[in-house]
Every structure is written in C-alpha cells, then in structure tokens.
Amino acid sequence: MRRHPNPCAVVVPGSVSLAIAMCVGRFALTPILSMTQLQGTLDLSLSR
C-alpha cells in the first residue's frame, strides 16, 4: 500500500514556488508596462 505524503511537505514548497514565480513576473513585467503605455500600444482606459 502506498503512503501519502505529508500535506505540509507539498503545500510549503508549492507556496514558496508560487511566491517566487509571482515576484519574478512582477519585476520582469513592470518596466514593460510603462514602455507600452508610452508607446501607445497599451491603453488602460479601455480596461473598464
């Protein structure tokens, strides 16, 4: 019979991986946002 892993052993590394991925995405895409707004290729007024 197979043993199930401890839930903490799955949740903690998964949460840390998600936090790292979100931080990398945020800091990688923030400079691109201002460039696209200045170039006129992205208009945030259309988002509503």
Protein backbone atom coordinates (compact mmCIF):
# COMPACT_ATOMS: atom_id res chain seq x y z
CA MET A 1 0.00 0.00 0.00
CA ARG A 2 1.30 3.48 -0.92
CA ARG A 3 1.83 6.08 1.74
CA HIS A 4 0.51 9.59 1.13
CA PRO A 5 2.98 12.46 1.59
CA ASN A 6 2.61 14.81 4.50
CA PRO A 7 0.39 17.74 3.35
CA CYS A 8 2.89 20.26 4.70
CA ALA A 9 5.60 18.67 2.58
CA VAL A 10 3.52 19.51 -0.50
CA VAL A 11 1.94 22.85 0.48
CA VAL A 12 5.02 24.68 1.74
CA PRO A 13 7.28 24.11 -1.31
CA GLY A 14 4.35 24.78 -3.63
CA SER A 15 3.55 28.08 -1.90
CA VAL A 16 7.19 29.16 -1.96
CA SER A 17 7.44 28.30 -5.67
CA LEU A 18 4.29 30.30 -6.42
CA ALA A 19 5.56 33.31 -4.47
CA ILE A 20 8.90 33.23 -6.31
CA ALA A 21 7.20 32.95 -9.70
CA MET A 22 4.87 35.87 -8.93
CA CYS A 23 7.77 38.07 -7.78
CA VAL A 24 9.82 37.31 -10.86
CA GLY A 25 6.85 38.04 -13.12
CA ARG A 26 6.06 41.27 -11.33
CA PHE A 27 9.55 42.68 -11.52
CA ALA A 28 10.08 41.45 -15.08
CA LEU A 29 6.85 42.90 -16.47
CA THR A 30 6.65 46.21 -14.59
CA PRO A 31 9.18 48.04 -16.82
CA ILE A 32 7.47 46.67 -19.92
CA LEU A 33 4.12 48.14 -18.78
CA SER A 34 5.44 51.70 -18.71
CA MET A 35 7.12 51.25 -22.10
CA THR A 36 3.93 50.00 -23.73
CA GLN A 37 1.94 52.87 -22.23
CA LEU A 38 4.42 55.45 -23.53
CA GLN A 39 4.45 53.88 -27.00
CA GLY A 40 0.68 53.87 -27.11
CA THR A 41 0.37 50.13 -27.65
CA LEU A 42 -1.46 49.69 -24.33
CA ASP A 43 -4.29 51.92 -23.16
CA LEU A 44 -5.53 51.22 -19.64
CA SER A 45 -8.62 53.38 -20.14
CA LEU A 46 -10.08 50.59 -22.30
CA SER A 47 -9.92 48.09 -19.43
CA ARG A 48 -13.20 49.17 -17.83
